[in-house]
Protein backbone atom coordinates (compact mmCIF):
# COMPACT_ATOMS: atom_id res chain seq x y z
CA MET A 1 -8.90 -21.60 13.60
CA ARG A 2 -6.16 -23.84 12.36
CA ARG A 3 -2.83 -23.76 14.28
CA LEU A 4 0.69 -24.57 12.44
CA LEU A 5 3.98 -24.20 14.51
CA THR A 6 6.84 -24.29 11.81
CA LEU A 7 10.79 -23.66 12.91
CA SER A 8 12.15 -22.33 10.30
CA LEU A 9 16.51 -22.28 10.87
CA SER A 10 18.20 -20.12 8.70
CA PRO A 11 20.54 -21.25 6.08
CA LEU A 12 23.75 -20.89 7.81
CA LEU A 13 23.26 -21.44 11.75
CA ALA A 14 26.51 -18.47 11.89
CA LEU A 15 28.54 -20.17 14.38
CA LEU A 16 31.35 -17.30 14.82
CA PRO A 17 34.64 -16.86 17.72
CA LEU A 18 34.89 -13.47 16.83
CA ALA A 19 32.24 -11.35 15.36
CA ALA A 20 31.86 -8.25 13.82
CA SER A 21 27.62 -8.05 13.17
CA ALA A 22 25.26 -5.63 11.28
CA GLN A 23 24.32 -4.96 14.88
CA ASN A 24 27.39 -3.61 15.38
CA ILE A 25 28.28 -6.00 18.44
CA ASN A 26 31.53 -6.53 19.95
CA LEU A 27 34.21 -8.43 18.84
CA LEU A 28 33.59 -11.13 21.17
CA PRO A 29 35.91 -12.41 24.48
CA GLU A 30 38.13 -16.04 23.94
CA GLY A 31 35.90 -19.34 24.74
CA GLN A 32 32.08 -16.81 23.51
CA THR A 33 31.00 -17.78 20.64
CA LEU A 34 28.13 -15.70 17.97
CA ILE A 35 25.11 -17.98 17.26
CA THR A 36 22.12 -16.69 14.35
CA LEU A 37 19.44 -18.20 14.10
CA SER A 38 15.67 -17.40 12.50
CA VAL A 39 12.18 -18.89 13.93
CA THR A 40 8.98 -18.48 11.32
CA GLU A 41 5.76 -19.72 13.41
CA ARG A 42 2.59 -20.29 10.75
CA VAL A 43 -0.75 -20.01 11.73
CA GLN A 44 -3.50 -20.47 9.37
CA VAL A 45 -7.03 -18.21 10.27
CA GLU A 46 -10.25 -18.00 8.79
CA GLN A 47 -10.74 -14.99 6.27
CA ASP A 48 -13.35 -12.75 8.15
CA THR A 49 -14.38 -9.78 5.89
CA LEU A 50 -16.05 -10.86 2.47
CA ILE A 51 -15.78 -8.01 -0.67
CA ALA A 52 -18.76 -8.03 -3.72
CA THR A 53 -17.52 -6.11 -6.65
CA LEU A 54 -20.89 -5.35 -9.68
CA ARG A 55 -20.79 -3.33 -12.39
CA VAL A 56 -23.29 -1.59 -14.86
CA GLU A 57 -22.70 -1.87 -18.53
CA ARG A 58 -24.65 -0.09 -21.12
CA ASP A 59 -24.28 0.75 -24.95
CA HIS A 60 -25.83 3.41 -26.86
CA ARG A 61 -25.29 5.96 -29.95
CA ASP A 62 -25.11 9.07 -27.65
CA PRO A 63 -22.93 9.67 -25.35
CA ALA A 64 -24.68 12.18 -23.08
CA THR A 65 -27.33 9.49 -22.85
CA LEU A 66 -25.20 6.56 -22.23
CA GLN A 67 -23.81 8.50 -19.02
CA SER A 68 -26.65 10.08 -18.01
CA GLU A 69 -28.06 5.84 -17.70
CA ILE A 70 -24.68 4.57 -15.89
CA ASN A 71 -24.78 7.71 -13.33
CA ALA A 72 -29.05 6.88 -12.65
CA ALA A 73 -27.63 3.46 -12.21
CA MET A 74 -24.96 3.99 -9.87
CA ALA A 75 -27.82 6.41 -7.46
CA GLU A 76 -30.13 4.22 -7.42
CA ALA A 77 -27.45 0.72 -6.33
CA LEU A 78 -25.54 3.50 -4.20
CA GLU A 79 -28.95 4.22 -2.36
CA THR A 80 -29.44 0.81 -1.53
CA ALA A 81 -25.85 0.04 -0.60
CA GLU A 82 -26.33 2.92 1.07
CA ALA A 83 -29.32 1.31 3.58
CA ASP A 84 -27.00 -0.38 5.02
CA THR A 85 -24.54 1.04 7.70
CA ALA A 86 -22.20 -2.06 8.03
CA VAL A 87 -21.89 -2.83 5.00
CA LYS A 88 -18.52 -0.10 3.34
CA VAL A 89 -19.45 1.57 0.02
CA SER A 90 -16.90 2.47 -2.40
CA THR A 91 -17.07 2.50 -6.55
CA GLY A 92 -15.18 1.42 -8.46
CA TYR A 93 -13.37 2.95 -12.39
CA TYR A 94 -15.70 4.47 -14.77
CA SER A 95 -15.40 4.02 -18.66
CA VAL A 96 -16.99 5.68 -21.62
CA TYR A 97 -15.52 4.63 -25.05
CA GLN A 98 -16.63 4.49 -28.45
CA TYR A 99 -16.41 1.08 -30.75
CA SER A 100 -17.82 -0.06 -34.31
CA THR A 101 -20.43 -3.08 -34.19
CA SER A 102 -20.14 -2.59 -38.11
CA PRO A 103 -18.16 -5.77 -39.82
CA GLN A 104 -14.77 -5.69 -41.42
CA GLY A 105 -15.69 -3.22 -44.80
CA GLY A 106 -19.19 -2.52 -43.71
CA ARG A 107 -20.81 0.51 -43.27
CA ASN A 108 -19.82 2.16 -40.41
CA ASN A 109 -21.71 2.14 -37.04
CA GLU A 110 -19.89 3.64 -34.08
CA VAL A 111 -21.68 2.52 -30.85
CA TRP A 112 -20.86 4.59 -26.86
CA ARG A 113 -19.83 1.56 -24.42
CA GLY A 114 -19.67 2.50 -21.20
CA SER A 115 -19.23 0.91 -17.46
CA GLN A 116 -19.16 1.88 -13.83
CA SER A 117 -18.22 -0.64 -10.74
CA ILE A 118 -19.37 -0.63 -7.11
CA THR A 119 -17.85 -2.67 -4.21
CA LEU A 120 -19.73 -3.48 -1.39
CA GLU A 121 -17.41 -5.11 2.12
CA GLY A 122 -18.41 -6.35 5.07
CA GLN A 123 -17.83 -8.90 8.00
CA ASP A 124 -21.02 -9.86 8.01
CA ALA A 125 -21.36 -12.13 4.53
CA ALA A 126 -24.96 -12.72 4.82
CA ARG A 127 -25.77 -8.98 4.90
CA VAL A 128 -22.91 -8.27 1.99
CA LEU A 129 -24.41 -11.22 -0.47
CA ALA A 130 -27.64 -9.91 0.14
CA LEU A 131 -26.62 -6.62 -0.75
CA ALA A 132 -25.12 -7.90 -3.70
CA GLY A 133 -28.54 -9.66 -4.97
CA GLU A 134 -30.31 -6.91 -4.66
CA ILE A 135 -27.79 -4.63 -6.43
CA GLN A 136 -27.55 -8.09 -9.32
CA ALA A 137 -31.45 -8.13 -9.45
CA GLN A 138 -31.29 -3.88 -10.73
CA GLY A 139 -29.24 -5.24 -13.88
CA PHE A 140 -25.77 -4.77 -12.25
CA VAL A 141 -23.84 -7.94 -12.97
CA MET A 142 -20.59 -9.83 -10.57
CA SER A 143 -17.53 -8.92 -11.39
CA GLU A 144 -15.60 -11.02 -7.96
CA LEU A 145 -16.32 -11.96 -5.31
CA GLN A 146 -13.83 -13.30 -2.36
CA TYR A 147 -13.25 -13.78 0.57
CA THR A 148 -10.07 -12.21 2.91
CA LEU A 149 -8.86 -11.75 6.31
CA SER A 150 -9.15 -8.12 7.67
CA THR A 151 -5.50 -6.48 8.27
CA THR A 152 -7.20 -6.09 11.81
CA ARG A 153 -7.31 -9.98 12.32
CA ALA A 154 -3.27 -10.52 10.38
CA ASP A 155 -2.33 -8.43 13.03
CA GLU A 156 -3.59 -9.75 16.17
CA VAL A 157 -3.47 -13.09 15.47
CA ARG A 158 0.87 -12.02 14.59
CA ASP A 159 0.98 -10.28 17.83
CA SER A 160 0.03 -13.58 19.19
CA LEU A 161 2.66 -15.27 18.02
CA MET A 162 5.51 -13.38 18.71
CA GLU A 163 5.56 -15.15 22.73
CA SER A 164 5.83 -18.63 21.33
CA ALA A 165 8.15 -17.20 18.05
CA ILE A 166 10.18 -16.25 20.20
CA ALA A 167 10.34 -18.90 23.32
CA ARG A 168 11.13 -21.10 20.73
CA ALA A 169 13.63 -19.26 19.04
CA THR A 170 15.74 -19.29 22.87
CA ALA A 171 15.48 -22.51 22.81
CA ASN A 172 17.08 -23.28 19.37
CA ALA A 173 19.74 -20.80 20.74
CA GLU A 174 20.21 -22.96 23.83
CA ARG A 175 20.35 -26.15 21.99
CA ALA A 176 22.73 -24.76 19.54
CA ALA A 177 24.82 -23.59 22.67
CA ARG A 178 24.65 -27.62 23.77
CA ALA A 179 25.64 -28.71 20.86
CA LEU A 180 29.08 -26.23 21.33
CA GLY A 181 29.62 -27.99 25.37
CA LYS A 182 28.49 -23.97 25.74
CA SER A 183 26.51 -24.20 28.94
CA GLU A 184 25.37 -20.31 29.02
CA VAL A 185 22.96 -18.37 27.10
CA ASP A 186 22.21 -14.81 26.48
CA ILE A 187 20.59 -13.03 23.99
CA ALA A 188 22.16 -10.26 22.56
CA VAL A 189 19.74 -9.65 18.98
CA LEU A 190 16.25 -10.18 19.03
CA ASP A 191 14.24 -8.77 15.82
CA VAL A 192 10.58 -9.09 15.69
CA ASP A 193 9.85 -9.19 11.22
CA THR A 194 7.02 -6.54 11.60
CA ALA A 195 6.11 -6.98 7.75
CA MET A 196 1.97 -8.04 7.58
CA GLY A 197 3.03 -12.05 7.47
CA TYR A 198 0.76 -13.34 5.37
CA ALA A 199 -0.42 -14.43 2.48
CA GLN A 200 -3.57 -14.59 0.95
CA PRO A 201 -5.19 -17.20 -1.37
CA MET A 202 -6.91 -17.88 -4.32
CA MET A 203 -10.57 -16.09 -4.19
CA MET A 204 -13.00 -18.93 -2.48
CA ALA A 205 -16.30 -18.05 -4.42
CA ARG A 206 -18.79 -20.74 -5.95
CA GLY A 207 -22.61 -20.07 -7.06
CA VAL A 208 -22.02 -16.64 -9.11
CA ALA A 209 -23.17 -16.35 -12.61
CA PHE A 210 -21.47 -13.18 -14.39
CA ASP A 211 -23.98 -13.49 -17.10
CA ALA A 212 -27.57 -11.71 -17.17
CA VAL A 213 -29.49 -14.85 -15.86
CA ALA A 214 -33.59 -15.27 -16.46
CA GLU A 215 -34.22 -15.58 -12.39
CA MET A 216 -31.15 -13.78 -10.75
CA ALA A 217 -30.24 -16.74 -7.94
CA ALA A 218 -28.52 -15.19 -5.46
CA PRO A 219 -24.93 -15.16 -4.69
CA VAL A 220 -23.00 -17.37 -2.52
CA ALA A 221 -19.41 -17.70 -1.59
CA GLU A 222 -17.56 -19.67 1.30
CA ALA A 223 -14.87 -19.13 3.32
CA GLY A 224 -11.15 -20.01 3.18
CA GLU A 225 -8.43 -19.76 4.66
CA THR A 226 -4.98 -17.29 4.65
CA GLU A 227 -1.77 -18.06 5.94
CA VAL A 228 -0.23 -15.83 9.00
CA SER A 229 3.20 -15.99 9.87
CA LEU A 230 6.16 -14.26 12.20
CA THR A 231 9.79 -14.81 12.02
CA VAL A 232 11.76 -13.65 15.39
CA ARG A 233 15.45 -13.40 14.21
CA VAL A 234 18.17 -13.89 17.16
CA GLN A 235 21.77 -13.64 17.63
CA ALA A 236 22.86 -15.19 21.36
CA VAL A 237 25.75 -15.49 22.36
CA ALA A 238 27.59 -18.70 24.00
CA GLN A 239 30.40 -19.42 26.62
């Protein structure tokens, strides 16, 4: 985990002799000043969860036969995947529609096409990749393979940033007070941003062929990093 401590002051460092703030702070006595600022800390965290989505596709002139084939393929894939209890398994969108294979102006040739997806998710990447390879060998194709950061891990990291963010916000309030010639600072309002402050980067996957190949190679994925952030906003009274 590579940690980047970044201070971000709010656009307005409000130095108000009289305050009627959104937090219902009473008017300040003469000689006191309200200081409003924010601090954001960010850290790069290695992604800990791998998600693989595969799909089965079939064409047939008879819709009932088509759906029977998809159902059978999905049942086999689920049986394979659910044998590993360390991997979370779910099924996705099931689609069946009719389309024409005839050239324009040619004889009508209607065919039914159907597909359904299965998603594997786990923190043991080797096991997810092994299962994905087995299901590919059953005739499924890879739709998406990506690493992500779990919400549990993101929450843990955000909690660890809280103390340092508060300390930096307090230190900056004291610095602003000294610049005004004030000797005492009291934190009147402290707001910790509880929103899910993390951003996922683009997919980090490689070595995956999304089309059928003569010899199916096992999928390969490499974890990236996700930025997790926490913002603290304070209102301090300096005198």
